[in-house]
C-alpha atoms as a PDB file:
ATOM      1  CA  MET A   1     -11.397  -6.572 -37.658  1.00  0.00           C
ATOM      2  CA  ALA A   2     -12.970  -4.040 -38.984  1.00  0.00           C
ATOM      3  CA  THR A   3     -14.343  -0.997 -36.590  1.00  0.00           C
ATOM      4  CA  LYS A   4     -17.293   1.019 -37.503  1.00  0.00           C
ATOM      5  CA  LYS A   5     -18.208   4.395 -35.887  1.00  0.00           C
ATOM      6  CA  PHE A   6     -21.675   6.012 -36.035  1.00  0.00           C
ATOM      7  CA  ASP A   7     -23.898   7.654 -33.763  1.00  0.00           C
ATOM      8  CA  VAL A   8     -27.120   6.805 -31.814  1.00  0.00           C
ATOM      9  CA  GLU A   9     -29.635   9.086 -30.306  1.00  0.00           C
ATOM     10  CA  THR A  10     -31.189   8.650 -27.128  1.00  0.00           C
ATOM     11  CA  SER A  11     -33.009  10.678 -24.600  1.00  0.00           C
ATOM     12  CA  HIS A  12     -29.614  11.773 -23.073  1.00  0.00           C
ATOM     13  CA  GLY A  13     -28.307  13.129 -26.170  1.00  0.00           C
ATOM     14  CA  ARG A  14     -26.202  12.142 -29.027  1.00  0.00           C
ATOM     15  CA  LEU A  15     -23.841   9.083 -28.250  1.00  0.00           C
ATOM     16  CA  ALA A  16     -20.673   7.889 -30.146  1.00  0.00           C
ATOM     17  CA  VAL A  17     -20.353   4.623 -31.020  1.00  0.00           C
ATOM     18  CA  ARG A  18     -17.829   2.038 -32.193  1.00  0.00           C
ATOM     19  CA  GLU A  19     -18.464  -1.767 -33.021  1.00  0.00           C
ATOM     20  CA  THR A  20     -16.285  -4.560 -34.465  1.00  0.00           C
ATOM     21  CA  ASP A  21     -17.994  -6.576 -37.189  1.00  0.00           C
ATOM     22  CA  SER A  22     -17.834  -9.924 -35.381  1.00  0.00           C
ATOM     23  CA  ALA A  23     -20.388 -12.139 -35.443  1.00  0.00           C
ATOM     24  CA  GLY A  24     -19.455 -13.037 -31.728  1.00  0.00           C
ATOM     25  CA  MET A  25     -21.328 -12.455 -28.801  1.00  0.00           C
ATOM     26  CA  PRO A  26     -22.125  -8.809 -28.263  1.00  0.00           C
ATOM     27  CA  VAL A  27     -19.881  -7.435 -25.408  1.00  0.00           C
ATOM     28  CA  LEU A  28     -20.668  -3.545 -24.250  1.00  0.00           C
ATOM     29  CA  MET A  29     -17.241  -2.003 -22.896  1.00  0.00           C
ATOM     30  CA  ILE A  30     -18.009   1.035 -20.480  1.00  0.00           C
ATOM     31  CA  HIS A  31     -14.951   3.351 -20.047  1.00  0.00           C
ATOM     32  CA  GLY A  32     -14.130   5.126 -16.707  1.00  0.00           C
ATOM     33  CA  ASN A  33     -14.383   9.017 -15.542  1.00  0.00           C
ATOM     34  CA  SER A  34     -12.912  11.438 -18.049  1.00  0.00           C
ATOM     35  CA  SER A  35     -11.930   9.008 -20.901  1.00  0.00           C
ATOM     36  CA  SER A  36     -13.555   7.803 -24.059  1.00  0.00           C
ATOM     37  CA  SER A  37     -14.116   4.336 -25.951  1.00  0.00           C
ATOM     38  CA  GLU A  38     -10.750   4.470 -27.586  1.00  0.00           C
ATOM     39  CA  VAL A  39      -9.238   3.365 -24.616  1.00  0.00           C
ATOM     40  CA  PHE A  40     -10.327  -0.101 -25.228  1.00  0.00           C
ATOM     41  CA  ARG A  41      -8.032   0.114 -28.704  1.00  0.00           C
ATOM     42  CA  ASN A  42      -5.974  -3.119 -27.360  1.00  0.00           C
ATOM     43  CA  GLN A  43      -8.824  -5.244 -27.372  1.00  0.00           C
ATOM     44  CA  PHE A  44     -10.493  -3.465 -30.506  1.00  0.00           C
ATOM     45  CA  ASP A  45      -7.466  -4.397 -32.217  1.00  0.00           C
ATOM     46  CA  GLY A  46      -6.814  -7.630 -30.831  1.00  0.00           C
ATOM     47  CA  GLN A  47      -8.154 -11.385 -30.575  1.00  0.00           C
ATOM     48  CA  ILE A  48     -11.043 -10.059 -28.574  1.00  0.00           C
ATOM     49  CA  GLY A  49     -12.131  -7.816 -30.973  1.00  0.00           C
ATOM     50  CA  ARG A  50     -11.974 -10.759 -33.685  1.00  0.00           C
ATOM     51  CA  ASP A  51     -13.889 -13.318 -31.509  1.00  0.00           C
ATOM     52  CA  TYR A  52     -16.534 -10.824 -30.044  1.00  0.00           C
ATOM     53  CA  HIS A  53     -18.886  -8.129 -31.189  1.00  0.00           C
ATOM     54  CA  LEU A  54     -17.052  -5.376 -29.071  1.00  0.00           C
ATOM     55  CA  VAL A  55     -19.510  -2.442 -28.628  1.00  0.00           C
ATOM     56  CA  ALA A  56     -18.057   0.817 -27.055  1.00  0.00           C
ATOM     57  CA  ILE A  57     -20.116   3.968 -26.686  1.00  0.00           C
ATOM     58  CA  ASP A  58     -18.656   7.110 -25.210  1.00  0.00           C
ATOM     59  CA  LEU A  59     -20.230   8.397 -22.269  1.00  0.00           C
ATOM     60  CA  PRO A  60     -22.179  11.577 -22.503  1.00  0.00           C
ATOM     61  CA  GLY A  61     -20.270  14.625 -22.095  1.00  0.00           C
ATOM     62  CA  HIS A  62     -17.342  12.500 -23.104  1.00  0.00           C
ATOM     63  CA  GLY A  63     -15.287  11.664 -25.973  1.00  0.00           C
ATOM     64  CA  ALA A  64     -17.161  12.094 -29.483  1.00  0.00           C
ATOM     65  CA  SER A  65     -20.380  11.701 -27.718  1.00  0.00           C
ATOM     66  CA  ALA A  66     -22.350  15.350 -26.856  1.00  0.00           C
ATOM     67  CA  ASP A  67     -22.995  16.818 -23.626  1.00  0.00           C
ATOM     68  CA  ALA A  68     -25.889  15.716 -21.655  1.00  0.00           C
ATOM     69  CA  ILE A  69     -29.185  17.541 -22.538  1.00  0.00           C
ATOM     70  CA  ASP A  70     -30.217  17.572 -19.047  1.00  0.00           C
ATOM     71  CA  PRO A  71     -26.940  17.434 -16.919  1.00  0.00           C
ATOM     72  CA  ASP A  72     -28.807  16.946 -13.879  1.00  0.00           C
ATOM     73  CA  ARG A  73     -30.299  13.875 -15.277  1.00  0.00           C
ATOM     74  CA  THR A  74     -27.577  11.997 -17.005  1.00  0.00           C
ATOM     75  CA  TYR A  75     -24.710  12.699 -15.194  1.00  0.00           C
ATOM     76  CA  ASN A  76     -24.986  10.193 -12.194  1.00  0.00           C
ATOM     77  CA  MET A  77     -24.829   6.758 -11.569  1.00  0.00           C
ATOM     78  CA  PRO A  78     -28.538   6.036 -12.597  1.00  0.00           C
ATOM     79  CA  GLY A  79     -28.627   8.527 -15.540  1.00  0.00           C
ATOM     80  CA  TYR A  80     -25.589   6.919 -17.326  1.00  0.00           C
ATOM     81  CA  ALA A  81     -27.145   3.447 -16.780  1.00  0.00           C
ATOM     82  CA  ASP A  82     -29.970   4.517 -18.270  1.00  0.00           C
ATOM     83  CA  ALA A  83     -28.314   5.919 -21.185  1.00  0.00           C
ATOM     84  CA  PHE A  84     -26.280   2.878 -21.996  1.00  0.00           C
ATOM     85  CA  THR A  85     -29.620   0.557 -21.708  1.00  0.00           C
ATOM     86  CA  GLU A  86     -31.282   2.914 -23.895  1.00  0.00           C
ATOM     87  CA  ALA A  87     -28.710   2.836 -26.314  1.00  0.00           C
ATOM     88  CA  MET A  88     -27.833  -0.877 -26.374  1.00  0.00           C
ATOM     89  CA  LEU A  89     -31.588  -1.679 -27.000  1.00  0.00           C
ATOM     90  CA  LYS A  90     -31.704   1.086 -29.864  1.00  0.00           C
ATOM     91  CA  LEU A  91     -28.745  -0.656 -31.434  1.00  0.00           C
ATOM     92  CA  GLY A  92     -30.648  -4.163 -31.370  1.00  0.00           C
ATOM     93  CA  HIS A  93     -28.314  -5.698 -28.504  1.00  0.00           C
ATOM     94  CA  ASP A  94     -31.010  -7.102 -26.308  1.00  0.00           C
ATOM     95  CA  ARG A  95     -28.259  -9.583 -24.833  1.00  0.00           C
ATOM     96  CA  ALA A  96     -24.710  -8.709 -23.832  1.00  0.00           C
ATOM     97  CA  ALA A  97     -22.097  -9.164 -21.497  1.00  0.00           C
ATOM     98  CA  ILE A  98     -20.653  -6.060 -19.819  1.00  0.00           C
ATOM     99  CA  PHE A  99     -16.814  -5.145 -19.046  1.00  0.00           C
ATOM    100  CA  GLY A 100     -17.013  -1.993 -16.964  1.00  0.00           C
ATOM    101  CA  TRP A 101     -13.797  -0.075 -15.900  1.00  0.00           C
ATOM    102  CA  SER A 102     -13.662   2.387 -13.034  1.00  0.00           C
ATOM    103  CA  LEU A 103     -16.678   4.754 -13.504  1.00  0.00           C
ATOM    104  CA  GLY A 104     -17.818   2.095 -16.142  1.00  0.00           C
ATOM    105  CA  GLY A 105     -17.835  -0.701 -13.751  1.00  0.00           C
ATOM    106  CA  HIS A 106     -20.236   1.451 -11.133  1.00  0.00           C
ATOM    107  CA  ILE A 107     -22.717   2.035 -14.281  1.00  0.00           C
ATOM    108  CA  GLY A 108     -22.373  -1.639 -14.947  1.00  0.00           C
ATOM    109  CA  LEU A 109     -23.587  -2.477 -11.647  1.00  0.00           C
ATOM    110  CA  GLU A 110     -26.264   0.295 -11.719  1.00  0.00           C
ATOM    111  CA  MET A 111     -27.325  -1.695 -15.050  1.00  0.00           C
ATOM    112  CA  ILE A 112     -28.202  -5.046 -13.415  1.00  0.00           C
ATOM    113  CA  GLY A 113     -31.946  -5.441 -13.239  1.00  0.00           C
ATOM    114  CA  LEU A 114     -32.380  -2.678 -15.784  1.00  0.00           C
ATOM    115  CA  TYR A 115     -30.635  -4.064 -18.620  1.00  0.00           C
ATOM    116  CA  GLU A 116     -32.493  -7.591 -18.706  1.00  0.00           C
ATOM    117  CA  GLY A 117     -30.205  -9.000 -20.925  1.00  0.00           C
ATOM    118  CA  MET A 118     -26.977  -8.773 -19.298  1.00  0.00           C
ATOM    119  CA  LEU A 119     -25.468 -11.986 -19.421  1.00  0.00           C
ATOM    120  CA  GLY A 120     -22.248 -11.415 -17.112  1.00  0.00           C
ATOM    121  CA  LEU A 121     -20.456  -8.357 -15.675  1.00  0.00           C
ATOM    122  CA  MET A 122     -16.531  -7.892 -15.322  1.00  0.00           C
ATOM    123  CA  ILE A 123     -15.408  -4.874 -13.443  1.00  0.00           C
ATOM    124  CA  THR A 124     -11.900  -3.536 -13.003  1.00  0.00           C
ATOM    125  CA  GLY A 125     -11.089  -0.635 -10.838  1.00  0.00           C
ATOM    126  CA  THR A 126     -14.582  -0.292  -9.404  1.00  0.00           C
ATOM    127  CA  PRO A 127     -15.165  -1.019  -5.795  1.00  0.00           C
ATOM    128  CA  PRO A 128     -18.576  -1.819  -5.224  1.00  0.00           C
ATOM    129  CA  VAL A 129     -19.640   0.105  -2.078  1.00  0.00           C
ATOM    130  CA  SER A 130     -22.205   2.171  -0.512  1.00  0.00           C
ATOM    131  CA  ALA A 131     -21.981   5.898  -0.477  1.00  0.00           C
ATOM    132  CA  ALA A 132     -21.205   5.498   3.120  1.00  0.00           C
ATOM    133  CA  ASP A 133     -18.184   3.325   2.552  1.00  0.00           C
ATOM    134  CA  LEU A 134     -16.514   5.230   0.054  1.00  0.00           C
ATOM    135  CA  GLY A 135     -13.382   6.023   2.380  1.00  0.00           C
ATOM    136  CA  ASN A 136     -12.769   2.329   2.663  1.00  0.00           C
ATOM    137  CA  GLY A 137     -13.206   1.682  -1.022  1.00  0.00           C
ATOM    138  CA  PHE A 138     -10.752   4.376  -2.395  1.00  0.00           C
ATOM    139  CA  ARG A 139      -7.222   4.965  -1.331  1.00  0.00           C
ATOM    140  CA  PRO A 140      -6.539   8.734  -0.819  1.00  0.00           C
ATOM    141  CA  SER A 141      -4.199   9.857  -3.386  1.00  0.00           C
ATOM    142  CA  PRO A 142      -2.737  12.963  -4.813  1.00  0.00           C
ATOM    143  CA  HIS A 143      -5.062  12.901  -8.057  1.00  0.00           C
ATOM    144  CA  MET A 144      -8.062  11.187  -6.241  1.00  0.00           C
ATOM    145  CA  GLY A 145      -9.711  14.648  -5.707  1.00  0.00           C
ATOM    146  CA  LEU A 146      -9.673  15.719  -9.601  1.00  0.00           C
ATOM    147  CA  ALA A 147     -12.157  12.908  -9.905  1.00  0.00           C
ATOM    148  CA  GLY A 148     -15.167  15.142  -8.876  1.00  0.00           C
ATOM    149  CA  GLN A 149     -13.582  18.823  -9.805  1.00  0.00           C
ATOM    150  CA  GLU A 150     -15.443  20.689 -12.609  1.00  0.00           C
ATOM    151  CA  HIS A 151     -12.356  22.782 -13.947  1.00  0.00           C
ATOM    152  CA  PHE A 152      -9.141  21.482 -14.908  1.00  0.00           C
ATOM    153  CA  SER A 153      -5.863  23.622 -15.255  1.00  0.00           C
ATOM    154  CA  PRO A 154      -3.663  22.109 -18.080  1.00  0.00           C
ATOM    155  CA  GLU A 155      -1.426  20.599 -15.018  1.00  0.00           C
ATOM    156  CA  ASP A 156      -4.420  18.754 -13.705  1.00  0.00           C
ATOM    157  CA  ILE A 157      -5.466  17.616 -17.541  1.00  0.00           C
ATOM    158  CA  ASP A 158      -1.691  16.029 -17.369  1.00  0.00           C
ATOM    159  CA  ASN A 159      -2.002  14.452 -14.026  1.00  0.00           C
ATOM    160  CA  TYR A 160      -5.374  12.867 -14.367  1.00  0.00           C
ATOM    161  CA  ALA A 161      -4.249  11.729 -17.642  1.00  0.00           C
ATOM    162  CA  HIS A 162      -1.212   9.855 -16.679  1.00  0.00           C
ATOM    163  CA  SER A 163      -2.589   8.520 -13.275  1.00  0.00           C
ATOM    164  CA  THR A 164      -5.615   7.016 -14.799  1.00  0.00           C
ATOM    165  CA  CYS A 165      -4.040   4.428 -17.233  1.00  0.00           C
ATOM    166  CA  GLY A 166      -0.259   4.741 -16.479  1.00  0.00           C
ATOM    167  CA  GLU A 167       2.097   3.744 -18.968  1.00  0.00           C
ATOM    168  CA  PRO A 168       2.385   3.625 -22.058  1.00  0.00           C
ATOM    169  CA  PHE A 169       1.041   7.123 -22.206  1.00  0.00           C
ATOM    170  CA  ASP A 170      -0.832   8.151 -25.463  1.00  0.00           C
ATOM    171  CA  GLN A 171      -1.778  11.485 -26.225  1.00  0.00           C
ATOM    172  CA  MET A 172      -5.425  10.214 -27.024  1.00  0.00           C
ATOM    173  CA  LEU A 173      -5.617   9.772 -22.925  1.00  0.00           C
ATOM    174  CA  HIS A 174      -4.847  13.575 -22.697  1.00  0.00           C
ATOM    175  CA  ASP A 175      -7.189  14.946 -25.223  1.00  0.00           C
ATOM    176  CA  ALA A 176     -10.177  12.671 -23.662  1.00  0.00           C
ATOM    177  CA  VAL A 177      -9.454  14.261 -20.095  1.00  0.00           C
ATOM    178  CA  LYS A 178      -9.296  17.721 -22.025  1.00  0.00           C
ATOM    179  CA  ARG A 179     -12.727  17.112 -23.689  1.00  0.00           C
ATOM    180  CA  THR A 180     -14.723  16.135 -21.088  1.00  0.00           C
ATOM    181  CA  ASP A 181     -17.460  17.984 -19.860  1.00  0.00           C
ATOM    182  CA  GLY A 182     -16.414  18.913 -16.344  1.00  0.00           C
ATOM    183  CA  ARG A 183     -20.077  19.238 -14.784  1.00  0.00           C
ATOM    184  CA  ALA A 184     -19.754  15.527 -15.533  1.00  0.00           C
ATOM    185  CA  ARG A 185     -17.021  14.914 -12.994  1.00  0.00           C
ATOM    186  CA  LYS A 186     -18.536  17.558 -10.431  1.00  0.00           C
ATOM    187  CA  LEU A 187     -22.090  16.113 -10.680  1.00  0.00           C
ATOM    188  CA  MET A 188     -21.373  12.439 -10.737  1.00  0.00           C
ATOM    189  CA  LEU A 189     -19.168  12.065  -7.573  1.00  0.00           C
ATOM    190  CA  SER A 190     -21.429  14.510  -5.782  1.00  0.00           C
ATOM    191  CA  LYS A 191     -24.288  12.668  -6.596  1.00  0.00           C
ATOM    192  CA  PHE A 192     -22.537   9.365  -5.379  1.00  0.00           C
ATOM    193  CA  GLY A 193     -21.554  10.725  -2.379  1.00  0.00           C
ATOM    194  CA  GLU A 194     -25.270  11.720  -1.619  1.00  0.00           C
ATOM    195  CA  GLY A 195     -26.519   8.269  -2.415  1.00  0.00           C
ATOM    196  CA  VAL A 196     -27.979   8.522  -5.548  1.00  0.00           C
ATOM    197  CA  GLY A 197     -28.687   5.287  -7.411  1.00  0.00           C
ATOM    198  CA  ARG A 198     -28.626   1.958  -5.566  1.00  0.00           C
ATOM    199  CA  ASP A 199     -26.434   1.004  -3.153  1.00  0.00           C
ATOM    200  CA  GLN A 200     -23.873  -1.286  -4.991  1.00  0.00           C
ATOM    201  CA  SER A 201     -22.779  -3.099  -1.948  1.00  0.00           C
ATOM    202  CA  GLN A 202     -26.333  -4.694  -1.811  1.00  0.00           C
ATOM    203  CA  ILE A 203     -26.767  -5.057  -5.243  1.00  0.00           C
ATOM    204  CA  ILE A 204     -23.693  -7.638  -5.465  1.00  0.00           C
ATOM    205  CA  LEU A 205     -25.684  -9.496  -2.770  1.00  0.00           C
ATOM    206  CA  GLY A 206     -28.724  -9.896  -4.746  1.00  0.00           C
ATOM    207  CA  GLU A 207     -29.900 -12.090  -7.578  1.00  0.00           C
ATOM    208  CA  THR A 208     -27.180 -11.027 -10.367  1.00  0.00           C
ATOM    209  CA  PRO A 209     -25.417 -12.868 -13.325  1.00  0.00           C
ATOM    210  CA  PRO A 210     -21.914 -13.695 -12.839  1.00  0.00           C
ATOM    211  CA  ILE A 211     -19.585 -10.781 -11.636  1.00  0.00           C
ATOM    212  CA  ALA A 212     -15.936 -10.995 -12.181  1.00  0.00           C
ATOM    213  CA  VAL A 213     -13.751  -8.825 -10.431  1.00  0.00           C
ATOM    214  CA  LEU A 214     -10.281  -8.009 -11.613  1.00  0.00           C
ATOM    215  CA  ASN A 215      -7.728  -5.519 -10.536  1.00  0.00           C
ATOM    216  CA  GLY A 216      -4.178  -4.446 -10.804  1.00  0.00           C
ATOM    217  CA  ILE A 217      -2.357  -4.914  -7.940  1.00  0.00           C
ATOM    218  CA  ASP A 218      -0.482  -1.519  -8.165  1.00  0.00           C
ATOM    219  CA  GLU A 219      -3.752   0.073  -8.334  1.00  0.00           C
ATOM    220  CA  PRO A 220      -3.489   3.826  -7.265  1.00  0.00           C
ATOM    221  CA  PHE A 221      -7.198   4.710  -6.471  1.00  0.00           C
ATOM    222  CA  VAL A 222      -9.139   1.385  -5.532  1.00  0.00           C
ATOM    223  CA  ASN A 223      -8.236  -0.267  -2.143  1.00  0.00           C
ATOM    224  CA  VAL A 224      -7.810  -3.706  -3.566  1.00  0.00           C
ATOM    225  CA  GLU A 225      -7.620  -5.358  -0.100  1.00  0.00           C
ATOM    226  CA  PHE A 226     -10.694  -4.018   1.088  1.00  0.00           C
ATOM    227  CA  VAL A 227     -12.279  -5.497  -2.154  1.00  0.00           C
ATOM    228  CA  ASP A 228     -10.823  -8.619  -1.666  1.00  0.00           C
ATOM    229  CA  THR A 229     -13.176  -8.594   1.508  1.00  0.00           C
ATOM    230  CA  ILE A 230     -16.252  -8.181  -0.083  1.00  0.00           C
ATOM    231  CA  ARG A 231     -19.100 -10.810  -0.520  1.00  0.00           C
ATOM    232  CA  PHE A 232     -20.731 -11.349  -3.871  1.00  0.00           C
ATOM    233  CA  SER A 233     -23.477 -13.380  -4.386  1.00  0.00           C
ATOM    234  CA  ASN A 234     -22.566 -14.678  -7.905  1.00  0.00           C
ATOM    235  CA  LEU A 235     -18.466 -14.192  -8.024  1.00  0.00           C
ATOM    236  CA  TRP A 236     -16.882 -15.973 -11.152  1.00  0.00           C
ATOM    237  CA  GLU A 237     -14.450 -18.648 -10.448  1.00  0.00           C
ATOM    238  CA  GLY A 238     -15.269 -17.993  -6.481  1.00  0.00           C
ATOM    239  CA  LYS A 239     -12.440 -15.353  -6.381  1.00  0.00           C
ATOM    240  CA  LYS A 240     -10.875 -11.880  -7.137  1.00  0.00           C
ATOM    241  CA  HIS A 241      -8.513 -11.831  -9.962  1.00  0.00           C
ATOM    242  CA  LEU A 242      -5.300  -9.604  -9.303  1.00  0.00           C
ATOM    243  CA  ILE A 243      -2.785  -8.810 -12.250  1.00  0.00           C
ATOM    244  CA  GLU A 244       0.888  -8.141 -10.790  1.00  0.00           C
ATOM    245  CA  LYS A 245       2.682  -5.015 -12.099  1.00  0.00           C
ATOM    246  CA  SER A 246      -0.410  -3.476 -13.135  1.00  0.00           C
ATOM    247  CA  GLY A 247      -2.238  -0.325 -12.441  1.00  0.00           C
ATOM    248  CA  HIS A 248      -5.909   1.193 -12.665  1.00  0.00           C
ATOM    249  CA  ALA A 249      -6.146   0.115 -16.084  1.00  0.00           C
ATOM    250  CA  PRO A 250      -4.772  -3.517 -16.745  1.00  0.00           C
ATOM    251  CA  PHE A 251      -6.579  -3.636 -20.013  1.00  0.00           C
ATOM    252  CA  TRP A 252      -4.566  -0.790 -21.029  1.00  0.00           C
ATOM    253  CA  ASP A 253      -1.118  -1.622 -19.384  1.00  0.00           C
ATOM    254  CA  SER A 254      -1.249  -5.279 -19.696  1.00  0.00           C
ATOM    255  CA  PRO A 255      -3.424  -6.571 -22.229  1.00  0.00           C
ATOM    256  CA  ASP A 256      -1.346  -9.612 -22.480  1.00  0.00           C
ATOM    257  CA  ARG A 257      -2.524 -10.899 -19.179  1.00  0.00           C
ATOM    258  CA  PHE A 258      -5.802  -9.029 -18.890  1.00  0.00           C
ATOM    259  CA  ASP A 259      -7.292 -10.443 -22.460  1.00  0.00           C
ATOM    260  CA  PRO A 260      -6.914 -14.001 -21.613  1.00  0.00           C
ATOM    261  CA  ILE A 261      -8.684 -13.638 -18.300  1.00  0.00           C
ATOM    262  CA  LEU A 262     -11.518 -11.505 -19.920  1.00  0.00           C
ATOM    263  CA  ASP A 263     -11.834 -14.273 -22.871  1.00  0.00           C
ATOM    264  CA  ARG A 264     -12.145 -17.028 -20.385  1.00  0.00           C
ATOM    265  CA  PHE A 265     -15.126 -15.009 -18.434  1.00  0.00           C
ATOM    266  CA  LEU A 266     -16.635 -14.287 -21.933  1.00  0.00           C
ATOM    267  CA  LYS A 267     -16.594 -17.927 -22.803  1.00  0.00           C
ATOM    268  CA  SER A 268     -18.157 -18.961 -19.729  1.00  0.00           C
ATOM    269  CA  LEU A 269     -20.969 -16.868 -21.085  1.00  0.00           C
ATOM    270  CA  GLU A 270     -21.463 -18.007 -24.367  1.00  0.00           C
ATOM    271  CA  ARG A 271     -23.473 -21.145 -23.681  1.00  0.00           C
ATOM    272  CA  GLU A 272     -26.267 -18.814 -22.181  1.00  0.00           C
ATOM    273  CA  TRP A 273     -25.965 -16.509 -25.305  1.00  0.00           C
ATOM    274  CA  ARG A 274     -26.367 -19.140 -27.966  1.00  0.00           C
ATOM    275  CA  GLY A 275     -29.097 -20.306 -25.773  1.00  0.00           C
END
């Protein structure tokens, strides 16, 4: 499946896009903090990329995208959600399913009601909590503090790159962390803690498209036991899904088990897409 790469200009800055040329249902894939769209390589190169029109966009200040024109406006949940909604509409994708990983899942939740064509949302490594409940949603870990740190030492880069995706390790993961605009980490986490953006624990109780929740059992950052207690108004298949012997990025460390669940979720949305 061929993948094309190009840029789209938005009011937040120039964003780097990669898309498969499949004629299937559009699926926006949103990466996490200090990563890039290249982290979805397994899906782009596999059956998912052949069956669906995958769209992955580097966050402002990440990957091949430019740094934000106005960091204070963009480097937060509402800013990222606005940037991705603007980009999707400029690309002509007024309807799409969304997969969000980690920070990408929080962005996807923030896009509910903003991106009116959202057919469904799958989140991984994303506890939908309020700012006041961050301590329950996330586990204390040696590298969790790096998520909001502006300046990284070479050791910080290496530690964060290894902890977010686990094995197999790839130089691409290191390069993505090294490239990231440190202001993006600092502003995103500080504003999240200040309550900038909507209360995600309330978003999921309102009117939403189907939301699928899938996590690795060995998740180092997210308290999956707490996530299991969270109520959703429209939880796909009525349960949260877990993958054994998988960490923060099941799509990366266990694509053979992750992709079939993602495919099942996407197939459940196709009827509405074909409409």
